[in-house]
Amino acid sequence: MTWVLFSILASILFTAGSLLSRHLLKSLKDPWAYSFWFSFGGALICLPLFLLSPSIPMSWLPWLLVVVMGGLVVAHNLLLFTALHYIEVSVSGSIMKLRLVWVYILGALFLNEPATPVKLIGICLIIAAAFFVFHKFKQKNSLKGIVLVLVASIFNATGITLVKYLLGFFNSVSLTFFAGFLASAVINMLIMPKFVQRATRIIKERGRLIFLSAGLGGFANLLFNKALELGEATRVVLVVEAFLIITLVGESMILKEKDRLWVKAVAVMLATAGAVLVSISR
């Protein structure tokens, strides 16, 4: 049952990292620079474990796809971190569950994954949660944040589908290091306007908390991958998805964000139930 411990630890770190990101991004005005440091910090944390068990394919196609995945991570992080300036973590987490809908569609189109009644019910619950949030959060800034997360979920789902293919060439630690963090950090550095000025300014403002956030994200991803190696993927995902409820509690108690709490609670329960059904369906 070691996988249970790793799953719970990963979920706790994911939750803490999300709440810290929300706290930072309510005041920080440069989510792009934050995204760079988040990826860079994650790469530093993954580097020692990668060096212990490196997995380096010799063909060019996996590396090309790593660059593509790095671009997807950059787009996802930039959209999500921008959204966290406008909306709470529980709201973004509920909308982000739509990635399971996109993964289902992509899997059916490209991976020949079967549809099951349980999976379809779960997808309907996730969509219901998204519509409920859209209906109740109609203010301009809240709606902007929700749309950003919606688009981010598409990039995230595409990346998840790509991971399934790339794990045929990399082990999980190497893929996390190269595609999850290193490639996105390099791409951020290359395409960000006034990179040095912006990266330096934001690290001077909140450097310690930014690196703490990056550390939480890096360790969470490593623990999650280790849980996947030791246990059944479905059960690991169930533990992680269920922690969205804990995120709602932490958001209310720690960040004191209690506005429309009942709306967020309903959305979280619908999205979590849907995610659980999608995860357990065969």
Protein backbone atom coordinates (compact mmCIF):
# COMPACT_ATOMS: atom_id res chain seq x y z
CA MET A 1 0.00 0.00 0.00
CA THR A 2 3.00 2.31 -0.41
CA TRP A 3 1.29 3.86 -3.45
CA VAL A 4 -1.44 5.19 -1.15
CA LEU A 5 1.12 7.15 0.88
CA PHE A 6 2.72 8.60 -2.25
CA SER A 7 -0.72 9.48 -3.67
CA ILE A 8 -1.79 11.27 -0.49
CA LEU A 9 1.50 13.14 -0.21
CA ALA A 10 1.27 14.19 -3.88
CA SER A 11 -2.31 15.36 -3.35
CA ILE A 12 -1.36 17.39 -0.29
CA LEU A 13 1.49 19.07 -2.18
CA PHE A 14 -0.70 19.71 -5.24
CA THR A 15 -3.30 21.32 -2.97
CA ALA A 16 -0.76 23.41 -1.05
CA GLY A 17 0.93 24.49 -4.29
CA SER A 18 -2.37 25.53 -5.86
CA LEU A 19 -3.38 27.58 -2.82
CA LEU A 20 0.05 29.25 -2.70
CA SER A 21 -0.12 30.05 -6.41
CA ARG A 22 -3.54 31.64 -5.91
CA HIS A 23 -2.17 33.70 -2.98
CA LEU A 24 0.78 34.92 -5.06
CA LEU A 25 -1.06 35.54 -8.30
CA LYS A 26 -3.74 37.68 -6.72
CA SER A 27 -1.05 40.36 -6.39
CA LEU A 28 1.70 39.46 -8.88
CA LYS A 29 1.16 41.11 -12.26
CA ASP A 30 3.36 38.87 -14.40
CA PRO A 31 2.05 35.27 -14.56
CA TRP A 32 4.34 34.56 -17.52
CA ALA A 33 7.49 35.23 -15.47
CA TYR A 34 5.96 33.21 -12.63
CA SER A 35 5.41 30.36 -15.08
CA PHE A 36 9.11 30.41 -16.00
CA TRP A 37 10.29 30.18 -12.41
CA PHE A 38 7.72 27.47 -11.68
CA SER A 39 9.10 25.33 -14.53
CA PHE A 40 12.72 26.15 -13.74
CA GLY A 41 12.30 25.24 -10.08
CA GLY A 42 10.55 22.00 -10.98
CA ALA A 43 13.40 21.08 -13.34
CA LEU A 44 15.98 21.63 -10.58
CA ILE A 45 14.06 19.35 -8.23
CA CYS A 46 13.66 16.61 -10.86
CA LEU A 47 17.31 16.76 -11.99
CA PRO A 48 18.87 14.59 -9.20
CA LEU A 49 16.34 11.77 -9.68
CA PHE A 50 16.75 11.96 -13.46
CA LEU A 51 20.53 11.57 -13.06
CA LEU A 52 19.97 8.45 -10.92
CA SER A 53 17.90 6.72 -13.62
CA PRO A 54 18.21 8.55 -16.95
CA SER A 55 16.17 7.43 -19.93
CA ILE A 56 17.34 9.03 -23.18
CA PRO A 57 15.90 7.83 -26.53
CA MET A 58 18.18 7.86 -29.55
CA SER A 59 15.59 8.67 -32.27
CA TRP A 60 14.62 12.25 -33.14
CA LEU A 61 10.81 11.92 -33.00
CA PRO A 62 10.50 11.67 -29.17
CA TRP A 63 12.62 14.79 -28.78
CA LEU A 64 10.51 16.69 -31.28
CA LEU A 65 7.41 15.68 -29.32
CA VAL A 66 9.10 16.76 -26.07
CA VAL A 67 9.44 20.24 -27.55
CA VAL A 68 5.77 20.14 -28.58
CA MET A 69 4.79 19.05 -25.08
CA GLY A 70 6.95 21.79 -23.58
CA GLY A 71 4.99 24.29 -25.65
CA LEU A 72 1.72 22.80 -24.40
CA VAL A 73 2.93 23.11 -20.80
CA VAL A 74 3.92 26.75 -21.38
CA ALA A 75 0.48 27.56 -22.82
CA HIS A 76 -1.32 25.66 -20.04
CA ASN A 77 0.66 27.24 -17.21
CA LEU A 78 0.39 30.77 -18.60
CA LEU A 79 -3.38 30.47 -19.01
CA LEU A 80 -3.92 28.81 -15.64
CA PHE A 81 -1.69 31.19 -13.68
CA THR A 82 -3.35 34.18 -15.35
CA ALA A 83 -6.76 32.75 -14.44
CA LEU A 84 -5.74 32.40 -10.79
CA HIS A 85 -5.47 36.18 -10.65
CA TYR A 86 -9.24 36.31 -11.22
CA ILE A 87 -10.81 33.15 -9.77
CA GLU A 88 -10.41 30.84 -6.80
CA VAL A 89 -8.58 27.51 -6.93
CA SER A 90 -11.78 25.49 -6.37
CA VAL A 91 -13.44 27.18 -9.35
CA SER A 92 -10.41 26.64 -11.61
CA GLY A 93 -10.15 23.06 -10.38
CA SER A 94 -13.78 22.34 -11.24
CA ILE A 95 -13.39 23.77 -14.75
CA MET A 96 -10.06 22.01 -15.24
CA LYS A 97 -11.87 18.68 -14.82
CA LEU A 98 -13.09 19.29 -18.38
CA ARG A 99 -9.69 17.99 -19.44
CA LEU A 100 -11.13 14.51 -18.81
CA VAL A 101 -13.80 15.26 -21.40
CA TRP A 102 -11.17 16.29 -23.96
CA VAL A 103 -9.00 13.26 -23.07
CA TYR A 104 -12.04 11.05 -23.64
CA ILE A 105 -12.66 12.61 -27.06
CA LEU A 106 -8.98 12.42 -28.08
CA GLY A 107 -8.72 8.86 -26.78
CA ALA A 108 -11.78 7.80 -28.74
CA LEU A 109 -10.46 9.46 -31.91
CA PHE A 110 -6.79 8.48 -31.81
CA LEU A 111 -6.26 5.73 -29.20
CA ASN A 112 -9.36 3.60 -29.82
CA GLU A 113 -10.36 3.81 -26.16
CA PRO A 114 -13.87 2.43 -25.57
CA ALA A 115 -16.80 4.41 -24.24
CA THR A 116 -18.64 2.98 -21.24
CA PRO A 117 -21.93 4.01 -19.60
CA VAL A 118 -20.09 4.88 -16.36
CA LYS A 119 -17.58 7.07 -18.21
CA LEU A 120 -20.36 8.86 -20.07
CA ILE A 121 -22.23 9.57 -16.82
CA GLY A 122 -19.02 10.94 -15.32
CA ILE A 123 -18.47 13.20 -18.33
CA CYS A 124 -22.03 14.51 -18.02
CA LEU A 125 -21.43 15.39 -14.36
CA ILE A 126 -18.21 17.25 -15.23
CA ILE A 127 -19.98 19.20 -17.97
CA ALA A 128 -22.83 19.97 -15.55
CA ALA A 129 -20.30 21.37 -13.05
CA ALA A 130 -18.78 23.56 -15.76
CA PHE A 131 -22.18 24.91 -16.87
CA PHE A 132 -23.14 25.56 -13.25
CA VAL A 133 -19.98 27.62 -12.68
CA PHE A 134 -20.46 29.51 -15.95
CA HIS A 135 -24.00 30.39 -14.95
CA LYS A 136 -23.20 31.54 -11.42
CA PHE A 137 -19.94 33.42 -12.11
CA LYS A 138 -21.06 36.05 -14.61
CA GLN A 139 -18.91 38.99 -13.50
CA LYS A 140 -16.46 40.17 -16.13
CA ASN A 141 -13.24 39.17 -14.34
CA SER A 142 -14.58 35.85 -13.05
CA LEU A 143 -15.83 34.92 -16.50
CA LYS A 144 -12.45 35.85 -17.98
CA GLY A 145 -10.71 33.53 -15.54
CA ILE A 146 -13.12 30.68 -16.29
CA VAL A 147 -12.59 31.01 -20.05
CA LEU A 148 -8.80 30.98 -19.54
CA VAL A 149 -9.03 27.73 -17.53
CA LEU A 150 -11.34 26.23 -20.14
CA VAL A 151 -8.73 26.82 -22.86
CA ALA A 152 -5.97 25.62 -20.52
CA SER A 153 -7.85 22.34 -20.01
CA ILE A 154 -7.64 21.68 -23.77
CA PHE A 155 -3.85 22.14 -23.74
CA ASN A 156 -3.64 19.94 -20.64
CA ALA A 157 -5.69 17.15 -22.22
CA THR A 158 -3.56 17.23 -25.36
CA GLY A 159 -0.46 16.93 -23.19
CA ILE A 160 -1.92 13.98 -21.26
CA THR A 161 -2.64 12.17 -24.52
CA LEU A 162 0.90 12.87 -25.70
CA VAL A 163 2.35 11.54 -22.43
CA LYS A 164 0.77 8.14 -23.11
CA TYR A 165 2.80 7.94 -26.32
CA LEU A 166 6.06 9.38 -24.92
CA LEU A 167 6.16 6.93 -22.00
CA GLY A 168 7.10 4.35 -24.61
CA PHE A 169 10.44 6.18 -24.96
CA PHE A 170 11.08 7.75 -21.52
CA ASN A 171 10.62 6.56 -17.96
CA SER A 172 8.29 8.72 -15.86
CA VAL A 173 11.04 10.71 -14.09
CA SER A 174 12.89 11.51 -17.32
CA LEU A 175 9.68 12.55 -19.05
CA THR A 176 8.71 14.76 -16.11
CA PHE A 177 12.15 16.38 -16.15
CA PHE A 178 12.43 16.97 -19.90
CA ALA A 179 8.85 17.59 -21.01
CA GLY A 180 7.15 18.69 -17.81
CA PHE A 181 9.70 21.25 -16.64
CA LEU A 182 12.95 21.70 -18.59
CA ALA A 183 11.45 22.19 -22.07
CA SER A 184 8.82 24.60 -20.79
CA ALA A 185 11.43 26.62 -18.86
CA VAL A 186 13.63 26.93 -21.96
CA ILE A 187 10.70 27.84 -24.23
CA ASN A 188 9.55 30.44 -21.71
CA MET A 189 13.03 31.92 -21.64
CA LEU A 190 13.29 32.06 -25.45
CA ILE A 191 9.91 33.58 -26.29
CA MET A 192 9.19 35.84 -23.31
CA PRO A 193 9.66 39.54 -24.20
CA LYS A 194 12.19 41.31 -21.92
CA PHE A 195 12.90 37.98 -20.24
CA VAL A 196 15.83 39.02 -18.01
CA GLN A 197 14.11 42.16 -16.75
CA ARG A 198 10.80 40.43 -15.99
CA ALA A 199 12.28 37.27 -14.47
CA THR A 200 14.58 39.33 -12.24
CA ARG A 201 11.85 41.72 -11.12
CA ILE A 202 9.39 39.03 -10.05
CA ILE A 203 11.99 37.00 -8.17
CA LYS A 204 13.01 40.11 -6.25
CA GLU A 205 9.40 40.75 -5.31
CA ARG A 206 8.42 37.32 -3.93
CA GLY A 207 11.39 35.04 -4.56
CA ARG A 208 11.09 32.76 -1.54
CA LEU A 209 7.41 32.05 -2.00
CA ILE A 210 7.86 31.55 -5.76
CA PHE A 211 10.55 28.93 -5.20
CA LEU A 212 8.43 27.31 -2.49
CA SER A 213 5.55 27.09 -4.97
CA ALA A 214 7.86 25.62 -7.63
CA GLY A 215 9.21 23.13 -5.09
CA LEU A 216 5.73 22.00 -4.11
CA GLY A 217 4.86 21.49 -7.79
CA GLY A 218 8.06 19.60 -8.55
CA PHE A 219 7.83 17.24 -5.60
CA ALA A 220 4.09 16.73 -6.18
CA ASN A 221 4.72 15.60 -9.75
CA LEU A 222 7.52 13.25 -8.70
CA LEU A 223 5.42 11.68 -5.94
CA PHE A 224 2.49 11.33 -8.30
CA ASN A 225 4.67 9.54 -10.86
CA LYS A 226 6.08 7.27 -8.16
CA ALA A 227 2.55 6.41 -7.05
CA LEU A 228 1.70 5.52 -10.65
CA GLU A 229 4.73 3.22 -10.80
CA LEU A 230 3.76 1.39 -7.58
CA GLY A 231 -0.02 1.26 -7.80
CA GLU A 232 -2.90 0.99 -10.20
CA ALA A 233 -3.29 4.23 -12.14
CA THR A 234 -7.06 4.38 -11.59
CA ARG A 235 -6.73 4.29 -7.81
CA VAL A 236 -3.94 6.86 -7.77
CA VAL A 237 -6.01 9.27 -9.87
CA LEU A 238 -9.01 8.76 -7.58
CA VAL A 239 -7.01 9.92 -4.56
CA VAL A 240 -5.71 13.00 -6.37
CA GLU A 241 -9.09 13.99 -7.83
CA ALA A 242 -10.83 13.65 -4.47
CA PHE A 243 -8.51 16.25 -2.94
CA LEU A 244 -10.32 19.04 -4.81
CA ILE A 245 -12.74 18.96 -1.87
CA ILE A 246 -9.81 19.58 0.52
CA THR A 247 -8.75 22.46 -1.73
CA LEU A 248 -12.17 24.07 -1.24
CA VAL A 249 -11.82 23.79 2.54
CA GLY A 250 -8.28 25.21 2.49
CA GLU A 251 -9.36 28.04 0.23
CA SER A 252 -12.10 29.01 2.66
CA MET A 253 -10.04 28.66 5.86
CA ILE A 254 -6.58 29.78 4.75
CA LEU A 255 -7.23 32.29 1.96
CA LYS A 256 -10.53 33.47 3.52
CA GLU A 257 -12.26 33.22 0.12
CA LYS A 258 -15.84 32.44 1.13
CA ASP A 259 -17.77 34.29 -1.56
CA ARG A 260 -20.49 32.07 -3.10
CA LEU A 261 -19.18 29.12 -1.12
CA TRP A 262 -22.28 27.02 -1.81
CA VAL A 263 -21.84 27.49 -5.57
CA LYS A 264 -18.22 26.36 -5.41
CA ALA A 265 -19.16 23.42 -3.17
CA VAL A 266 -21.80 22.17 -5.63
CA ALA A 267 -19.40 22.56 -8.57
CA VAL A 268 -16.60 20.75 -6.72
CA MET A 269 -18.87 17.84 -5.78
CA LEU A 270 -20.22 17.46 -9.31
CA ALA A 271 -16.77 17.71 -10.89
CA THR A 272 -15.18 15.33 -8.37
CA ALA A 273 -17.96 12.75 -8.75
CA GLY A 274 -17.63 12.95 -12.51
CA ALA A 275 -13.85 12.60 -12.36
CA VAL A 276 -14.15 9.55 -10.10
CA LEU A 277 -16.61 7.86 -12.47
CA VAL A 278 -14.39 8.57 -15.49
CA SER A 279 -11.36 7.24 -13.63
CA ILE A 280 -12.96 3.97 -12.48
CA SER A 281 -14.68 3.15 -15.76
CA ARG A 282 -13.19 0.27 -17.73
